[in-house]
Amino acid sequence: MNYQTHSHRFADIILNSDYGLKQEIEEVIHSITIETINEEYDERNKLLMGSGKKPSSGKQSTINRLFRDGLSSRGWEVEKNVFNSSENDLVMDFWKRKVGIDVAFNHRSSIGGDLLRLQAAAEVKDVINVGVYICPTREFARVVSPKDGNSMVVFERVQWYLENFKPVLTAPILLMGLSG
């Protein structure tokens, strides 16, 4: 998978200080291809239809599952709670050695909460030194979900948030936009 980046508050430099983790993230991204997404998506829909359930219309859950499999197999903790409390649902998708990752293939209304979660993890609880926010580019979102692509989190919109809320978002965040 190809991607583009936007580094907020020197996130790229901070992530490079643990180059092994950066390589793991890049390996997982490069292991995901349009072909593997389509194969997994078709296989999952066959299983759903075989059990009498409605097939998925978009490929978001397939991509999330591929990230989960790729990162967890490399020792990343899945669903790391920011506040270490079962009563609080601020959860990063993946965490390892003070790097937190959120993979966002959901509705764009979640952008603010996602960025605030990374901010809290870095500045309030000191759980991470740098956050990585992975989402589709606008063009790739339409490939992932032709029906919902226009309402999804996209790289270009998240970059706008990071640039316009820079005084408030003080946590280093590396934005990665998948482009197919």
Protein backbone atom coordinates (compact mmCIF):
# COMPACT_ATOMS: atom_id res chain seq x y z
CA MET A 1 0.00 0.00 0.00
CA ASN A 2 1.26 3.46 -0.83
CA TYR A 3 0.88 6.31 1.62
CA GLN A 4 1.67 9.94 2.22
CA THR A 5 2.55 11.59 5.52
CA HIS A 6 2.12 14.82 7.38
CA SER A 7 4.28 15.34 10.44
CA HIS A 8 2.68 17.35 13.24
CA ARG A 9 5.10 18.73 15.83
CA PHE A 10 8.14 16.75 14.61
CA ALA A 11 6.41 13.38 14.93
CA ASP A 12 8.50 11.93 12.10
CA ILE A 13 11.75 12.75 13.90
CA ILE A 14 10.46 11.33 17.19
CA LEU A 15 9.27 8.12 15.51
CA ASN A 16 12.64 7.77 13.77
CA SER A 17 14.28 7.62 17.21
CA ASP A 18 12.73 4.12 17.50
CA TYR A 19 13.36 3.18 13.90
CA GLY A 20 12.45 -0.47 14.51
CA LEU A 21 8.87 0.51 15.35
CA LYS A 22 8.66 2.78 12.34
CA GLN A 23 9.80 -0.12 10.16
CA GLU A 24 7.14 -2.40 11.69
CA ILE A 25 4.42 0.12 10.86
CA GLU A 26 5.71 0.51 7.31
CA GLU A 27 6.00 -3.28 6.86
CA VAL A 28 2.37 -3.75 7.84
CA ILE A 29 1.22 -0.95 5.53
CA HIS A 30 3.24 -2.36 2.61
CA SER A 31 1.89 -5.88 3.27
CA ILE A 32 -1.66 -4.65 2.68
CA THR A 33 -2.56 -4.46 -1.00
CA ILE A 34 -5.75 -3.87 -2.93
CA GLU A 35 -5.62 -7.56 -3.84
CA THR A 36 -5.38 -8.76 -0.22
CA ILE A 37 -8.16 -6.37 0.80
CA ASN A 38 -10.42 -7.64 -1.99
CA GLU A 39 -9.62 -11.31 -1.27
CA GLU A 40 -10.28 -10.95 2.48
CA TYR A 41 -13.42 -8.90 1.81
CA ASP A 42 -14.83 -11.47 -0.64
CA GLU A 43 -13.99 -14.37 1.69
CA ARG A 44 -15.64 -12.67 4.68
CA ASN A 45 -18.76 -11.83 2.67
CA LYS A 46 -19.06 -15.44 1.50
CA LEU A 47 -18.97 -16.56 5.13
CA LEU A 48 -21.56 -13.96 6.12
CA MET A 49 -23.92 -14.88 3.29
CA GLY A 50 -23.38 -18.58 3.98
CA SER A 51 -24.63 -18.07 7.53
CA GLY A 52 -27.63 -16.04 6.33
CA LYS A 53 -26.22 -12.63 7.22
CA LYS A 54 -26.04 -9.49 5.12
CA PRO A 55 -22.66 -8.91 3.40
CA SER A 56 -20.56 -5.84 4.25
CA SER A 57 -20.97 -2.97 1.83
CA GLY A 58 -17.57 -1.38 2.52
CA LYS A 59 -14.10 -2.76 3.10
CA GLN A 60 -13.36 -0.81 6.29
CA SER A 61 -13.59 -3.79 8.66
CA THR A 62 -11.38 -5.84 6.34
CA ILE A 63 -8.63 -3.18 6.44
CA ASN A 64 -8.95 -2.87 10.22
CA ARG A 65 -8.60 -6.65 10.56
CA LEU A 66 -5.48 -6.67 8.35
CA PHE A 67 -3.89 -3.98 10.54
CA ARG A 68 -4.85 -5.89 13.69
CA ASP A 69 -3.33 -9.12 12.39
CA GLY A 70 -0.16 -7.42 11.11
CA LEU A 71 0.57 -5.31 14.18
CA SER A 72 -0.48 -7.80 16.87
CA SER A 73 1.75 -10.46 15.28
CA ARG A 74 4.64 -8.02 15.79
CA GLY A 75 3.90 -7.62 19.50
CA TRP A 76 1.75 -4.48 19.46
CA GLU A 77 -0.80 -4.30 22.27
CA VAL A 78 -4.33 -4.13 20.86
CA GLU A 79 -6.82 -1.64 22.32
CA LYS A 80 -4.58 0.09 24.86
CA ASN A 81 -6.63 1.99 27.43
CA VAL A 82 -5.26 5.51 27.84
CA PHE A 83 -6.41 5.98 31.44
CA ASN A 84 -5.92 2.36 32.63
CA SER A 85 -9.53 2.26 33.77
CA SER A 86 -12.22 -0.14 32.65
CA GLU A 87 -14.75 2.65 33.24
CA ASN A 88 -13.13 4.87 30.62
CA ASP A 89 -13.37 4.07 26.93
CA LEU A 90 -10.47 6.16 25.61
CA VAL A 91 -8.68 3.37 23.78
CA MET A 92 -5.90 3.54 21.19
CA ASP A 93 -6.04 0.83 18.56
CA PHE A 94 -2.40 -0.24 19.02
CA TRP A 95 0.43 0.55 21.42
CA LYS A 96 4.07 -0.41 21.78
CA ARG A 97 7.07 1.26 23.45
CA LYS A 98 5.37 4.66 23.88
CA VAL A 99 4.01 4.79 20.33
CA GLY A 100 0.24 4.79 19.90
CA ILE A 101 -1.59 4.08 16.65
CA ASP A 102 -5.17 4.85 15.66
CA VAL A 103 -6.44 3.36 12.40
CA ALA A 104 -9.43 5.38 11.22
CA PHE A 105 -11.73 4.06 8.52
CA ASN A 106 -14.88 5.43 10.09
CA HIS A 107 -17.14 8.49 9.95
CA ARG A 108 -15.41 11.86 9.86
CA SER A 109 -17.23 12.99 13.00
CA SER A 110 -14.74 10.87 14.98
CA ILE A 111 -11.68 12.94 13.99
CA GLY A 112 -11.85 15.32 16.97
CA GLY A 113 -12.23 12.50 19.49
CA ASP A 114 -9.44 10.49 17.87
CA LEU A 115 -7.00 13.40 18.00
CA LEU A 116 -8.05 14.26 21.55
CA ARG A 117 -7.39 10.65 22.60
CA LEU A 118 -3.83 10.85 21.22
CA GLN A 119 -3.41 14.24 22.91
CA ALA A 120 -4.54 12.79 26.26
CA ALA A 121 -2.28 9.75 25.85
CA ALA A 122 0.74 12.01 25.27
CA GLU A 123 0.15 15.07 27.44
CA VAL A 124 -2.19 13.93 30.24
CA LYS A 125 -1.18 10.33 30.92
CA ASP A 126 2.32 10.13 29.34
CA VAL A 127 1.45 6.80 27.71
CA ILE A 128 2.96 7.79 24.35
CA ASN A 129 5.76 9.98 23.02
CA VAL A 130 4.25 10.06 19.54
CA GLY A 131 0.93 9.13 17.95
CA VAL A 132 0.40 7.68 14.50
CA TYR A 133 -2.95 8.30 12.83
CA ILE A 134 -3.61 6.10 9.79
CA CYS A 135 -6.53 6.83 7.48
CA PRO A 136 -7.36 6.80 3.77
CA THR A 137 -6.79 9.66 1.36
CA ARG A 138 -9.97 11.15 -0.09
CA GLU A 139 -9.52 9.17 -3.31
CA PHE A 140 -8.83 5.86 -1.54
CA ALA A 141 -11.82 6.32 0.79
CA ARG A 142 -14.08 6.11 -2.27
CA VAL A 143 -12.40 2.84 -3.26
CA VAL A 144 -12.76 1.40 0.26
CA SER A 145 -16.43 2.32 0.44
CA PRO A 146 -18.10 3.75 -2.65
CA LYS A 147 -21.26 4.29 -0.60
CA ASP A 148 -19.70 5.98 2.47
CA GLY A 149 -16.38 7.27 1.12
CA ASN A 150 -17.48 10.90 1.06
CA SER A 151 -18.30 10.86 4.78
CA MET A 152 -15.22 9.00 6.03
CA VAL A 153 -12.17 10.28 7.87
CA VAL A 154 -9.68 11.28 5.18
CA PHE A 155 -6.05 12.37 5.22
CA GLU A 156 -6.76 15.81 3.78
CA ARG A 157 -9.36 16.67 6.44
CA VAL A 158 -7.21 15.40 9.33
CA GLN A 159 -4.26 17.41 8.01
CA TRP A 160 -6.50 20.50 8.05
CA TYR A 161 -7.38 19.79 11.71
CA LEU A 162 -3.73 19.38 12.67
CA GLU A 163 -2.70 22.58 10.92
CA ASN A 164 -5.58 24.70 12.24
CA PHE A 165 -5.57 23.38 15.80
CA LYS A 166 -1.79 23.35 16.22
CA PRO A 167 -1.90 25.59 19.34
CA VAL A 168 -4.27 23.11 21.02
CA LEU A 169 -2.93 19.80 19.68
CA THR A 170 0.53 19.76 21.23
CA ALA A 171 1.12 16.02 20.95
CA PRO A 172 3.39 14.90 18.10
CA ILE A 173 1.24 13.02 15.58
CA LEU A 174 2.36 11.40 12.36
CA LEU A 175 -0.55 11.38 9.93
CA MET A 176 -0.38 8.61 7.34
CA GLY A 177 -2.81 8.66 4.41
CA LEU A 178 -3.21 5.36 2.57
CA SER A 179 -3.63 5.78 -1.16
CA GLY A 180 -3.89 2.27 -2.54
